[in-house]
Amino acid sequence: MSEVPVVTPAELKAELEAGANLVLVDVRESDELEISALPNIIHIPMNDLPERMSELDKDSNIVMICRTGNRSGKTTDYLLANGFSRVRNMATGMNGYATSVDPSMKTY
């Protein structure tokens, strides 16, 4: 995997609060979303991404999300390799978001 563009949880929170037009794609499995999730996400499990990539606009400002940043990093790389230009990985994932931005969220 090459170096993918990242956004930290704090930067993402600031962008969302500033009203940035972001598309949040969570690539975790359904049971993981029951533990913690950001509002207004598009849920596309990592293994479904090749078949569901057409649901995403290649010109959108996309942030990929998973538990720790590993799966979302791989899917960020995949989208960039397939013609998407504005895709970032949320570094440290939802566990990092819970730890650094919203301690009310559960980690796992």
C-alpha atoms as a PDB file:
ATOM      1  CA  MET A   1       0.000   0.000   0.000  1.00  0.00           C
ATOM      2  CA  SER A   2       1.364   3.416  -0.909  1.00  0.00           C
ATOM      3  CA  GLU A   3       1.159   6.443   1.356  1.00  0.00           C
ATOM      4  CA  VAL A   4      -2.459   7.519   1.407  1.00  0.00           C
ATOM      5  CA  PRO A   5      -3.758  10.977   2.349  1.00  0.00           C
ATOM      6  CA  VAL A   6      -4.998  11.061   5.932  1.00  0.00           C
ATOM      7  CA  VAL A   7      -7.171  13.206   8.146  1.00  0.00           C
ATOM      8  CA  THR A   8      -6.937  12.972  11.929  1.00  0.00           C
ATOM      9  CA  PRO A   9     -10.095  12.539  14.013  1.00  0.00           C
ATOM     10  CA  ALA A  10      -9.697  16.097  15.355  1.00  0.00           C
ATOM     11  CA  GLU A  11      -9.298  17.504  11.831  1.00  0.00           C
ATOM     12  CA  LEU A  12     -12.366  15.571  10.674  1.00  0.00           C
ATOM     13  CA  LYS A  13     -14.432  16.872  13.585  1.00  0.00           C
ATOM     14  CA  ALA A  14     -13.346  20.440  12.771  1.00  0.00           C
ATOM     15  CA  GLU A  15     -14.204  20.001   9.086  1.00  0.00           C
ATOM     16  CA  LEU A  16     -17.642  18.572   9.941  1.00  0.00           C
ATOM     17  CA  GLU A  17     -18.339  21.388  12.407  1.00  0.00           C
ATOM     18  CA  ALA A  18     -17.312  23.929   9.747  1.00  0.00           C
ATOM     19  CA  GLY A  19     -19.924  22.444   7.413  1.00  0.00           C
ATOM     20  CA  ALA A  20     -17.523  20.811   4.956  1.00  0.00           C
ATOM     21  CA  ASN A  21     -19.265  18.783   2.272  1.00  0.00           C
ATOM     22  CA  LEU A  22     -17.795  15.379   3.101  1.00  0.00           C
ATOM     23  CA  VAL A  23     -18.843  11.869   2.172  1.00  0.00           C
ATOM     24  CA  LEU A  24     -18.058   9.551   5.090  1.00  0.00           C
ATOM     25  CA  VAL A  25     -17.704   5.914   4.023  1.00  0.00           C
ATOM     26  CA  ASP A  26     -17.476   3.373   6.835  1.00  0.00           C
ATOM     27  CA  VAL A  27     -15.972   0.093   5.628  1.00  0.00           C
ATOM     28  CA  ARG A  28     -16.518  -1.899   8.834  1.00  0.00           C
ATOM     29  CA  GLU A  29     -18.953  -4.774   9.202  1.00  0.00           C
ATOM     30  CA  SER A  30     -22.544  -4.163  10.340  1.00  0.00           C
ATOM     31  CA  ASP A  31     -21.982  -5.488  13.860  1.00  0.00           C
ATOM     32  CA  GLU A  32     -19.126  -3.012  14.323  1.00  0.00           C
ATOM     33  CA  LEU A  33     -21.423  -0.088  13.482  1.00  0.00           C
ATOM     34  CA  GLU A  34     -23.582  -1.070  16.464  1.00  0.00           C
ATOM     35  CA  ILE A  35     -20.606  -0.326  18.759  1.00  0.00           C
ATOM     36  CA  SER A  36     -19.722   3.116  17.390  1.00  0.00           C
ATOM     37  CA  ALA A  37     -20.435   5.111  14.250  1.00  0.00           C
ATOM     38  CA  LEU A  38     -20.442   8.665  13.023  1.00  0.00           C
ATOM     39  CA  PRO A  39     -23.750  10.129  11.815  1.00  0.00           C
ATOM     40  CA  ASN A  40     -24.603  10.290   8.112  1.00  0.00           C
ATOM     41  CA  ILE A  41     -22.150   7.642   6.983  1.00  0.00           C
ATOM     42  CA  ILE A  42     -22.435   5.505   3.889  1.00  0.00           C
ATOM     43  CA  HIS A  43     -21.894   1.911   4.959  1.00  0.00           C
ATOM     44  CA  ILE A  44     -19.970  -0.145   2.424  1.00  0.00           C
ATOM     45  CA  PRO A  45     -18.151  -3.094   4.032  1.00  0.00           C
ATOM     46  CA  MET A  46     -14.573  -3.366   2.743  1.00  0.00           C
ATOM     47  CA  ASN A  47     -15.181  -6.588   0.834  1.00  0.00           C
ATOM     48  CA  ASP A  48     -18.203  -5.055  -0.934  1.00  0.00           C
ATOM     49  CA  LEU A  49     -16.347  -1.978  -2.164  1.00  0.00           C
ATOM     50  CA  PRO A  50     -15.340  -3.301  -5.620  1.00  0.00           C
ATOM     51  CA  GLU A  51     -18.982  -4.049  -6.475  1.00  0.00           C
ATOM     52  CA  ARG A  52     -20.387  -0.893  -4.827  1.00  0.00           C
ATOM     53  CA  MET A  53     -17.758   1.660  -5.873  1.00  0.00           C
ATOM     54  CA  SER A  54     -20.213   3.034  -8.452  1.00  0.00           C
ATOM     55  CA  GLU A  55     -22.373   4.335  -5.574  1.00  0.00           C
ATOM     56  CA  LEU A  56     -19.679   6.948  -4.873  1.00  0.00           C
ATOM     57  CA  ASP A  57     -19.001  10.098  -6.878  1.00  0.00           C
ATOM     58  CA  LYS A  58     -15.359  10.175  -8.018  1.00  0.00           C
ATOM     59  CA  ASP A  59     -15.257  13.951  -7.472  1.00  0.00           C
ATOM     60  CA  SER A  60     -16.661  13.942  -3.920  1.00  0.00           C
ATOM     61  CA  ASN A  61     -14.550  14.757  -0.881  1.00  0.00           C
ATOM     62  CA  ILE A  62     -14.504  11.261   0.653  1.00  0.00           C
ATOM     63  CA  VAL A  63     -13.235  10.155   4.056  1.00  0.00           C
ATOM     64  CA  MET A  64     -12.828   6.418   4.600  1.00  0.00           C
ATOM     65  CA  ILE A  65     -13.415   5.084   8.124  1.00  0.00           C
ATOM     66  CA  CYS A  66     -12.848   1.782   9.941  1.00  0.00           C
ATOM     67  CA  ARG A  67     -11.911   0.654  13.478  1.00  0.00           C
ATOM     68  CA  THR A  68      -8.200   1.585  13.559  1.00  0.00           C
ATOM     69  CA  GLY A  69      -7.386   2.986  10.099  1.00  0.00           C
ATOM     70  CA  ASN A  70      -6.037  -0.201   8.502  1.00  0.00           C
ATOM     71  CA  ARG A  71      -9.022  -1.274   6.376  1.00  0.00           C
ATOM     72  CA  SER A  72      -9.900   2.315   5.554  1.00  0.00           C
ATOM     73  CA  GLY A  73      -6.291   2.894   4.487  1.00  0.00           C
ATOM     74  CA  LYS A  74      -6.469  -0.043   2.101  1.00  0.00           C
ATOM     75  CA  THR A  75      -9.796   1.126   0.688  1.00  0.00           C
ATOM     76  CA  THR A  76      -8.512   4.700   0.331  1.00  0.00           C
ATOM     77  CA  ASP A  77      -5.599   3.318  -1.699  1.00  0.00           C
ATOM     78  CA  TYR A  78      -8.020   1.213  -3.755  1.00  0.00           C
ATOM     79  CA  LEU A  79     -10.272   4.167  -4.604  1.00  0.00           C
ATOM     80  CA  LEU A  80      -7.309   6.371  -5.507  1.00  0.00           C
ATOM     81  CA  ALA A  81      -6.037   3.619  -7.823  1.00  0.00           C
ATOM     82  CA  ASN A  82      -9.478   3.505  -9.452  1.00  0.00           C
ATOM     83  CA  GLY A  83      -9.815   7.142 -10.468  1.00  0.00           C
ATOM     84  CA  PHE A  84     -11.004   8.809  -7.276  1.00  0.00           C
ATOM     85  CA  SER A  85      -9.075  12.011  -6.605  1.00  0.00           C
ATOM     86  CA  ARG A  86     -10.279  13.326  -3.236  1.00  0.00           C
ATOM     87  CA  VAL A  87     -10.123  10.408  -0.816  1.00  0.00           C
ATOM     88  CA  ARG A  88      -8.568  10.441   2.651  1.00  0.00           C
ATOM     89  CA  ASN A  89      -8.213   7.853   5.367  1.00  0.00           C
ATOM     90  CA  MET A  90      -9.277   8.761   8.909  1.00  0.00           C
ATOM     91  CA  ALA A  91      -6.074   7.973  10.806  1.00  0.00           C
ATOM     92  CA  THR A  92      -6.546   5.818  13.921  1.00  0.00           C
ATOM     93  CA  GLY A  93     -10.139   4.997  12.893  1.00  0.00           C
ATOM     94  CA  MET A  94     -13.198   5.055  15.122  1.00  0.00           C
ATOM     95  CA  ASN A  95     -11.186   3.907  18.136  1.00  0.00           C
ATOM     96  CA  GLY A  96      -8.933   6.936  17.679  1.00  0.00           C
ATOM     97  CA  TYR A  97     -11.983   9.178  17.207  1.00  0.00           C
ATOM     98  CA  ALA A  98     -13.480   7.840  20.436  1.00  0.00           C
ATOM     99  CA  THR A  99     -10.219   8.278  22.328  1.00  0.00           C
ATOM    100  CA  SER A 100      -9.282  11.745  21.073  1.00  0.00           C
ATOM    101  CA  VAL A 101     -12.548  13.443  20.113  1.00  0.00           C
ATOM    102  CA  ASP A 102     -15.607  11.770  21.657  1.00  0.00           C
ATOM    103  CA  PRO A 103     -14.906   9.734  24.804  1.00  0.00           C
ATOM    104  CA  SER A 104     -18.620   8.849  25.051  1.00  0.00           C
ATOM    105  CA  MET A 105     -18.088   6.472  22.104  1.00  0.00           C
ATOM    106  CA  LYS A 106     -17.111   2.902  22.810  1.00  0.00           C
ATOM    107  CA  THR A 107     -13.830   1.405  21.637  1.00  0.00           C
ATOM    108  CA  TYR A 108     -13.265  -2.258  20.801  1.00  0.00           C
END
